[in-house]
PDB file of N, CA and C in Angstrom:
ATOM      1  N   MET A   1     151.575 110.915 103.739  1.00  0.00           N
ATOM      2  CA  MET A   1     150.293 111.645 104.194  1.00  0.00           C
ATOM      3  C   MET A   1     149.636 111.353 103.363  1.00  0.00           C
ATOM      4  N   PRO A   2     148.204 111.036 103.645  1.00  0.00           N
ATOM      5  CA  PRO A   2     146.728 110.636 102.244  1.00  0.00           C
ATOM      6  C   PRO A   2     146.794 111.949 101.920  1.00  0.00           C
ATOM      7  N   VAL A   3     146.437 112.186 100.646  1.00  0.00           N
ATOM      8  CA  VAL A   3     145.498 113.024 100.567  1.00  0.00           C
ATOM      9  C   VAL A   3     143.929 112.379 100.954  1.00  0.00           C
ATOM     10  N   ILE A   4     143.146 113.349 101.396  1.00  0.00           N
ATOM     11  CA  ILE A   4     141.783 113.195 101.688  1.00  0.00           C
ATOM     12  C   ILE A   4     140.883 113.372 101.058  1.00  0.00           C
ATOM     13  N   SER A   5     141.509 115.401 100.739  1.00  0.00           N
ATOM     14  CA  SER A   5     140.290 116.390  99.627  1.00  0.00           C
ATOM     15  C   SER A   5     140.659 116.970  98.731  1.00  0.00           C
ATOM     16  N   MET A   6     140.771 117.537  98.167  1.00  0.00           N
ATOM     17  CA  MET A   6     141.075 118.794  97.242  1.00  0.00           C
ATOM     18  C   MET A   6     139.935 120.069  96.860  1.00  0.00           C
ATOM     19  N   PHE A   7     140.199 121.079  97.549  1.00  0.00           N
ATOM     20  CA  PHE A   7     138.961 122.137  96.407  1.00  0.00           C
ATOM     21  C   PHE A   7     139.725 123.452  96.661  1.00  0.00           C
ATOM     22  N   TYR A   8     139.195 124.450  95.037  1.00  0.00           N
ATOM     23  CA  TYR A   8     139.719 125.568  95.222  1.00  0.00           C
ATOM     24  C   TYR A   8     141.380 125.483  95.231  1.00  0.00           C
ATOM     25  N   GLY A   9     142.093 124.605  95.751  1.00  0.00           N
ATOM     26  CA  GLY A   9     143.140 124.650  94.813  1.00  0.00           C
ATOM     27  C   GLY A   9     143.948 124.514  96.072  1.00  0.00           C
ATOM     28  N   ILE A  10     143.086 123.955  97.332  1.00  0.00           N
ATOM     29  CA  ILE A  10     143.870 123.518  98.697  1.00  0.00           C
ATOM     30  C   ILE A  10     143.718 122.184  98.888  1.00  0.00           C
ATOM     31  N   ILE A  11     144.545 121.638  99.285  1.00  0.00           N
ATOM     32  CA  ILE A  11     144.864 119.892  99.372  1.00  0.00           C
ATOM     33  C   ILE A  11     144.767 119.862 101.093  1.00  0.00           C
ATOM     34  N   ILE A  12     143.784 118.535 100.638  1.00  0.00           N
ATOM     35  CA  ILE A  12     143.654 118.145 102.687  1.00  0.00           C
ATOM     36  C   ILE A  12     144.583 116.665 102.779  1.00  0.00           C
ATOM     37  N   ARG A  13     145.015 117.230 103.936  1.00  0.00           N
ATOM     38  CA  ARG A  13     145.556 115.244 104.357  1.00  0.00           C
ATOM     39  C   ARG A  13     145.259 115.400 105.928  1.00  0.00           C
ATOM     40  N   MET A  14     145.625 113.861 106.028  1.00  0.00           N
ATOM     41  CA  MET A  14     145.898 113.449 107.299  1.00  0.00           C
ATOM     42  C   MET A  14     146.652 112.313 107.590  1.00  0.00           C
ATOM     43  N   TYR A  15     147.821 112.817 108.021  1.00  0.00           N
ATOM     44  CA  TYR A  15     148.756 112.082 108.985  1.00  0.00           C
ATOM     45  C   TYR A  15     148.238 110.494 109.573  1.00  0.00           C
ATOM     46  N   LEU A  16     148.357 109.325 108.754  1.00  0.00           N
ATOM     47  CA  LEU A  16     148.339 108.237 110.257  1.00  0.00           C
ATOM     48  C   LEU A  16     148.842 108.320 111.358  1.00  0.00           C
ATOM     49  N   LEU A  17     148.234 107.943 112.501  1.00  0.00           N
ATOM     50  CA  LEU A  17     148.502 108.670 113.381  1.00  0.00           C
ATOM     51  C   LEU A  17     150.035 108.837 114.039  1.00  0.00           C
ATOM     52  N   ASP A  18     149.485 110.417 113.571  1.00  0.00           N
ATOM     53  CA  ASP A  18     150.009 111.728 114.184  1.00  0.00           C
ATOM     54  C   ASP A  18     149.060 112.163 115.444  1.00  0.00           C
ATOM     55  N   ASN A  19     148.589 111.050 115.885  1.00  0.00           N
ATOM     56  CA  ASN A  19     148.052 111.909 117.765  1.00  0.00           C
ATOM     57  C   ASN A  19     149.437 112.070 118.523  1.00  0.00           C
ATOM     58  N   LYS A  20     150.312 111.599 118.438  1.00  0.00           N
ATOM     59  CA  LYS A  20     150.935 112.063 119.087  1.00  0.00           C
ATOM     60  C   LYS A  20     151.955 113.670 118.870  1.00  0.00           C
ATOM     61  N   HIS A  21     151.502 114.568 117.597  1.00  0.00           N
ATOM     62  CA  HIS A  21     151.807 116.086 117.807  1.00  0.00           C
ATOM     63  C   HIS A  21     150.962 116.776 118.627  1.00  0.00           C
ATOM     64  N   HIS A  22     149.010 116.592 117.937  1.00  0.00           N
ATOM     65  CA  HIS A  22     148.981 117.217 118.877  1.00  0.00           C
ATOM     66  C   HIS A  22     147.782 116.717 119.930  1.00  0.00           C
ATOM     67  N   ASN A  23     147.652 115.443 119.621  1.00  0.00           N
ATOM     68  CA  ASN A  23     146.991 115.139 120.793  1.00  0.00           C
ATOM     69  C   ASN A  23     145.174 115.330 120.671  1.00  0.00           C
ATOM     70  N   ILE A  24     145.438 115.932 119.284  1.00  0.00           N
ATOM     71  CA  ILE A  24     143.044 115.587 119.268  1.00  0.00           C
ATOM     72  C   ILE A  24     142.935 115.965 117.864  1.00  0.00           C
ATOM     73  N   PRO A  25     141.825 115.464 117.195  1.00  0.00           N
ATOM     74  CA  PRO A  25     142.128 114.678 115.475  1.00  0.00           C
ATOM     75  C   PRO A  25     141.684 116.532 114.864  1.00  0.00           C
ATOM     76  N   HIS A  26     142.815 116.139 114.204  1.00  0.00           N
ATOM     77  CA  HIS A  26     142.937 117.431 113.041  1.00  0.00           C
ATOM     78  C   HIS A  26     143.117 117.366 111.961  1.00  0.00           C
ATOM     79  N   VAL A  27     142.976 117.870 110.708  1.00  0.00           N
ATOM     80  CA  VAL A  27     143.563 117.895 109.184  1.00  0.00           C
ATOM     81  C   VAL A  27     144.992 118.500 109.265  1.00  0.00           C
ATOM     82  N   HIS A  28     145.713 118.558 108.159  1.00  0.00           N
ATOM     83  CA  HIS A  28     146.871 119.296 107.645  1.00  0.00           C
ATOM     84  C   HIS A  28     146.108 119.615 106.433  1.00  0.00           C
ATOM     85  N   ALA A  29     146.450 121.638 106.069  1.00  0.00           N
ATOM     86  CA  ALA A  29     145.667 121.866 105.298  1.00  0.00           C
ATOM     87  C   ALA A  29     147.193 122.838 104.085  1.00  0.00           C
ATOM     88  N   GLU A  30     147.538 122.143 103.052  1.00  0.00           N
ATOM     89  CA  GLU A  30     149.052 122.491 102.074  1.00  0.00           C
ATOM     90  C   GLU A  30     149.995 122.117 103.120  1.00  0.00           C
ATOM     91  N   TYR A  31     150.142 121.598 103.449  1.00  0.00           N
ATOM     92  CA  TYR A  31     151.194 121.458 104.655  1.00  0.00           C
ATOM     93  C   TYR A  31     151.607 122.353 105.616  1.00  0.00           C
ATOM     94  N   GLU A  32     150.669 123.447 105.684  1.00  0.00           N
ATOM     95  CA  GLU A  32     150.829 124.867 106.043  1.00  0.00           C
ATOM     96  C   GLU A  32     149.893 125.022 107.229  1.00  0.00           C
ATOM     97  N   ALA A  33     148.724 124.742 107.835  1.00  0.00           N
ATOM     98  CA  ALA A  33     148.582 124.352 109.400  1.00  0.00           C
ATOM     99  C   ALA A  33     147.362 123.505 109.427  1.00  0.00           C
ATOM    100  N   SER A  34     147.508 123.098 110.742  1.00  0.00           N
ATOM    101  CA  SER A  34     147.015 121.955 111.547  1.00  0.00           C
ATOM    102  C   SER A  34     146.041 122.729 112.188  1.00  0.00           C
ATOM    103  N   ILE A  35     144.566 121.651 111.354  1.00  0.00           N
ATOM    104  CA  ILE A  35     143.366 122.248 111.770  1.00  0.00           C
ATOM    105  C   ILE A  35     142.781 121.149 112.221  1.00  0.00           C
ATOM    106  N   SER A  36     142.156 121.621 113.533  1.00  0.00           N
ATOM    107  CA  SER A  36     140.772 120.647 114.763  1.00  0.00           C
ATOM    108  C   SER A  36     139.760 120.553 113.852  1.00  0.00           C
ATOM    109  N   ILE A  37     139.202 119.099 113.922  1.00  0.00           N
ATOM    110  CA  ILE A  37     138.419 118.813 113.405  1.00  0.00           C
ATOM    111  C   ILE A  37     136.935 119.640 114.157  1.00  0.00           C
ATOM    112  N   ALA A  38     137.391 119.193 115.673  1.00  0.00           N
ATOM    113  CA  ALA A  38     135.927 119.631 116.065  1.00  0.00           C
ATOM    114  C   ALA A  38     135.293 120.326 116.314  1.00  0.00           C
ATOM    115  N   ASP A  39     136.302 122.173 116.034  1.00  0.00           N
ATOM    116  CA  ASP A  39     135.960 123.355 116.307  1.00  0.00           C
ATOM    117  C   ASP A  39     136.782 124.142 115.069  1.00  0.00           C
ATOM    118  N   GLY A  40     137.504 123.177 114.062  1.00  0.00           N
ATOM    119  CA  GLY A  40     137.948 124.321 113.000  1.00  0.00           C
ATOM    120  C   GLY A  40     139.055 124.979 113.625  1.00  0.00           C
ATOM    121  N   GLU A  41     139.429 124.706 114.988  1.00  0.00           N
ATOM    122  CA  GLU A  41     140.412 126.486 114.881  1.00  0.00           C
ATOM    123  C   GLU A  41     141.773 125.723 114.818  1.00  0.00           C
ATOM    124  N   VAL A  42     142.790 126.545 114.342  1.00  0.00           N
ATOM    125  CA  VAL A  42     143.762 126.587 113.674  1.00  0.00           C
ATOM    126  C   VAL A  42     144.719 125.707 115.095  1.00  0.00           C
ATOM    127  N   LEU A  43     145.369 124.655 115.084  1.00  0.00           N
ATOM    128  CA  LEU A  43     145.983 124.311 115.649  1.00  0.00           C
ATOM    129  C   LEU A  43     148.066 124.493 115.913  1.00  0.00           C
ATOM    130  N   ALA A  44     148.203 124.420 114.741  1.00  0.00           N
ATOM    131  CA  ALA A  44     149.918 124.806 114.234  1.00  0.00           C
ATOM    132  C   ALA A  44     149.714 125.286 113.136  1.00  0.00           C
ATOM    133  N   GLY A  45     150.419 126.454 112.745  1.00  0.00           N
ATOM    134  CA  GLY A  45     150.831 127.315 111.014  1.00  0.00           C
ATOM    135  C   GLY A  45     149.900 128.326 111.214  1.00  0.00           C
ATOM    136  N   GLN A  46     149.403 127.949 109.965  1.00  0.00           N
ATOM    137  CA  GLN A  46     148.811 129.724 109.173  1.00  0.00           C
ATOM    138  C   GLN A  46     148.953 129.384 107.951  1.00  0.00           C
ATOM    139  N   LEU A  47     147.225 129.857 107.790  1.00  0.00           N
ATOM    140  CA  LEU A  47     146.812 129.933 105.963  1.00  0.00           C
ATOM    141  C   LEU A  47     145.871 131.040 106.047  1.00  0.00           C
ATOM    142  N   PRO A  48     146.235 131.276 104.653  1.00  0.00           N
ATOM    143  CA  PRO A  48     145.660 133.131 104.817  1.00  0.00           C
ATOM    144  C   PRO A  48     143.422 132.655 104.799  1.00  0.00           C
ATOM    145  N   ARG A  49     143.398 134.250 105.057  1.00  0.00           N
ATOM    146  CA  ARG A  49     141.890 133.861 105.744  1.00  0.00           C
ATOM    147  C   ARG A  49     140.763 133.400 104.899  1.00  0.00           C
ATOM    148  N   LYS A  50     141.272 133.329 103.309  1.00  0.00           N
ATOM    149  CA  LYS A  50     140.050 133.066 102.392  1.00  0.00           C
ATOM    150  C   LYS A  50     140.062 131.275 102.318  1.00  0.00           C
ATOM    151  N   GLN A  51     141.532 131.167 102.582  1.00  0.00           N
ATOM    152  CA  GLN A  51     141.555 129.593 102.839  1.00  0.00           C
ATOM    153  C   GLN A  51     141.158 128.933 103.908  1.00  0.00           C
ATOM    154  N   LEU A  52     141.672 129.154 104.713  1.00  0.00           N
ATOM    155  CA  LEU A  52     141.055 129.058 106.351  1.00  0.00           C
ATOM    156  C   LEU A  52     139.372 129.134 106.084  1.00  0.00           C
ATOM    157  N   ARG A  53     138.810 130.198 105.730  1.00  0.00           N
ATOM    158  CA  ARG A  53     137.344 130.260 106.728  1.00  0.00           C
ATOM    159  C   ARG A  53     136.675 128.406 105.082  1.00  0.00           C
ATOM    160  N   LEU A  54     137.141 128.627 104.330  1.00  0.00           N
ATOM    161  CA  LEU A  54     136.995 127.558 103.375  1.00  0.00           C
ATOM    162  C   LEU A  54     136.861 126.312 104.118  1.00  0.00           C
ATOM    163  N   VAL A  55     137.789 125.484 104.378  1.00  0.00           N
ATOM    164  CA  VAL A  55     138.589 124.789 104.728  1.00  0.00           C
ATOM    165  C   VAL A  55     137.663 124.233 106.361  1.00  0.00           C
ATOM    166  N   GLN A  56     137.986 125.501 107.510  1.00  0.00           N
ATOM    167  CA  GLN A  56     136.609 125.787 108.528  1.00  0.00           C
ATOM    168  C   GLN A  56     135.536 125.071 107.615  1.00  0.00           C
ATOM    169  N   ALA A  57     134.374 125.889 106.644  1.00  0.00           N
ATOM    170  CA  ALA A  57     133.246 125.587 106.362  1.00  0.00           C
ATOM    171  C   ALA A  57     133.043 123.958 105.849  1.00  0.00           C
ATOM    172  N   TRP A  58     134.632 123.666 105.186  1.00  0.00           N
ATOM    173  CA  TRP A  58     134.347 122.183 104.753  1.00  0.00           C
ATOM    174  C   TRP A  58     134.071 121.711 105.900  1.00  0.00           C
ATOM    175  N   ILE A  59     135.021 121.619 106.968  1.00  0.00           N
ATOM    176  CA  ILE A  59     135.592 120.487 108.281  1.00  0.00           C
ATOM    177  C   ILE A  59     134.315 120.820 108.759  1.00  0.00           C
ATOM    178  N   GLU A  60     132.994 121.587 108.060  1.00  0.00           N
ATOM    179  CA  GLU A  60     131.960 121.695 109.334  1.00  0.00           C
ATOM    180  C   GLU A  60     130.926 121.137 108.708  1.00  0.00           C
ATOM    181  N   LEU A  61     130.744 121.144 107.021  1.00  0.00           N
ATOM    182  CA  LEU A  61     130.064 120.040 106.557  1.00  0.00           C
ATOM    183  C   LEU A  61     130.497 118.850 106.534  1.00  0.00           C
ATOM    184  N   ARG A  62     131.845 118.415 106.935  1.00  0.00           N
ATOM    185  CA  ARG A  62     131.783 117.113 107.161  1.00  0.00           C
ATOM    186  C   ARG A  62     132.469 116.337 108.169  1.00  0.00           C
ATOM    187  N   ARG A  63     132.420 116.795 109.037  1.00  0.00           N
ATOM    188  CA  ARG A  63     132.620 116.269 110.391  1.00  0.00           C
ATOM    189  C   ARG A  63     132.310 115.466 110.578  1.00  0.00           C
ATOM    190  N   ASP A  64     131.493 114.518 110.910  1.00  0.00           N
ATOM    191  CA  ASP A  64     131.060 113.263 111.021  1.00  0.00           C
ATOM    192  C   ASP A  64     132.221 111.961 110.198  1.00  0.00           C
ATOM    193  N   GLU A  65     132.617 112.332 108.920  1.00  0.00           N
ATOM    194  CA  GLU A  65     133.294 111.773 107.555  1.00  0.00           C
ATOM    195  C   GLU A  65     134.583 112.026 108.444  1.00  0.00           C
ATOM    196  N   LEU A  66     135.171 113.217 108.864  1.00  0.00           N
ATOM    197  CA  LEU A  66     136.335 113.190 108.899  1.00  0.00           C
ATOM    198  C   LEU A  66     136.633 112.677 110.406  1.00  0.00           C
ATOM    199  N   THR A  67     135.586 112.299 111.231  1.00  0.00           N
ATOM    200  CA  THR A  67     136.137 111.917 112.160  1.00  0.00           C
ATOM    201  C   THR A  67     135.922 110.132 112.200  1.00  0.00           C
ATOM    202  N   ALA A  68     135.261 109.442 111.217  1.00  0.00           N
ATOM    203  CA  ALA A  68     135.279 108.764 111.091  1.00  0.00           C
ATOM    204  C   ALA A  68     136.716 107.894 110.659  1.00  0.00           C
ATOM    205  N   ASP A  69     136.971 108.771 109.007  1.00  0.00           N
ATOM    206  CA  ASP A  69     138.829 108.793 108.636  1.00  0.00           C
ATOM    207  C   ASP A  69     139.766 108.983 109.827  1.00  0.00           C
ATOM    208  N   TRP A  70     139.708 110.076 111.242  1.00  0.00           N
ATOM    209  CA  TRP A  70     140.355 109.535 112.368  1.00  0.00           C
ATOM    210  C   TRP A  70     140.585 108.415 112.784  1.00  0.00           C
ATOM    211  N   GLU A  71     139.547 108.061 113.146  1.00  0.00           N
ATOM    212  CA  GLU A  71     139.617 106.214 113.398  1.00  0.00           C
ATOM    213  C   GLU A  71     140.207 105.702 113.045  1.00  0.00           C
ATOM    214  N   LEU A  72     139.972 105.724 111.773  1.00  0.00           N
ATOM    215  CA  LEU A  72     140.305 104.899 110.770  1.00  0.00           C
ATOM    216  C   LEU A  72     142.306 104.897 110.944  1.00  0.00           C
ATOM    217  N   ALA A  73     142.317 106.282 110.606  1.00  0.00           N
ATOM    218  CA  ALA A  73     144.420 106.904 110.770  1.00  0.00           C
ATOM    219  C   ALA A  73     144.648 106.177 112.021  1.00  0.00           C
ATOM    220  N   LEU A  74     144.010 106.182 113.190  1.00  0.00           N
ATOM    221  CA  LEU A  74     144.352 105.712 114.512  1.00  0.00           C
ATOM    222  C   LEU A  74     144.553 104.249 114.652  1.00  0.00           C
ATOM    223  N   SER A  75     143.599 103.352 113.613  1.00  0.00           N
ATOM    224  CA  SER A  75     143.536 102.050 114.085  1.00  0.00           C
ATOM    225  C   SER A  75     145.339 101.664 112.642  1.00  0.00           C
ATOM    226  N   ASP A  76     145.444 102.309 112.377  1.00  0.00           N
ATOM    227  CA  ASP A  76     146.468 102.215 111.599  1.00  0.00           C
ATOM    228  C   ASP A  76     146.014 101.900 110.330  1.00  0.00           C
ATOM    229  N   GLU A  77     144.773 102.519 109.929  1.00  0.00           N
ATOM    230  CA  GLU A  77     144.008 101.714 108.367  1.00  0.00           C
ATOM    231  C   GLU A  77     144.583 103.462 107.437  1.00  0.00           C
ATOM    232  N   LYS A  78     143.877 103.053 106.577  1.00  0.00           N
ATOM    233  CA  LYS A  78     144.321 104.121 105.209  1.00  0.00           C
ATOM    234  C   LYS A  78     142.449 104.992 105.105  1.00  0.00           C
ATOM    235  N   PRO A  79     143.105 106.517 105.745  1.00  0.00           N
ATOM    236  CA  PRO A  79     141.205 106.831 106.243  1.00  0.00           C
ATOM    237  C   PRO A  79     141.134 107.253 103.963  1.00  0.00           C
ATOM    238  N   TYR A  80     139.437 107.505 104.692  1.00  0.00           N
ATOM    239  CA  TYR A  80     138.822 107.023 102.870  1.00  0.00           C
ATOM    240  C   TYR A  80     138.652 109.095 102.513  1.00  0.00           C
ATOM    241  N   LYS A  81     138.512 108.685 101.153  1.00  0.00           N
ATOM    242  CA  LYS A  81     138.598 110.264 100.487  1.00  0.00           C
ATOM    243  C   LYS A  81     137.150 110.751 101.252  1.00  0.00           C
ATOM    244  N   ILE A  82     136.726 112.136 100.921  1.00  0.00           N
ATOM    245  CA  ILE A  82     135.954 112.957 101.531  1.00  0.00           C
ATOM    246  C   ILE A  82     136.055 113.890 100.394  1.00  0.00           C
ATOM    247  N   ALA A  83     134.476 114.046  99.904  1.00  0.00           N
ATOM    248  CA  ALA A  83     133.700 114.844  98.820  1.00  0.00           C
ATOM    249  C   ALA A  83     134.674 116.109  98.880  1.00  0.00           C
ATOM    250  N   PRO A  84     134.867 117.343  98.222  1.00  0.00           N
ATOM    251  CA  PRO A  84     135.318 118.547  98.178  1.00  0.00           C
ATOM    252  C   PRO A  84     134.257 119.303  98.803  1.00  0.00           C
ATOM    253  N   LEU A  85     134.616 120.388  99.074  1.00  0.00           N
ATOM    254  CA  LEU A  85     133.555 121.873  99.122  1.00  0.00           C
ATOM    255  C   LEU A  85     132.232 122.179  97.898  1.00  0.00           C
TER     256      LEU A  85
END
């Protein structure tokens, strides 16, 4: 599972071809939570409130890049690194 970004001790990863699990574009933060790219909502798991807010802010700022990475992952290609928060 490639690391696409790291900030404030939070590791953000994107599973390749993980659409079978949640069926919507999302990222994984610290192996603890799956978070929707579209709206920043937690799909599974949990994060402490402070970390969740940081990840949600980052998703808001980087949504276009995350969507492009998701499309790469669906095509069985490695996603690009994305700038941290």
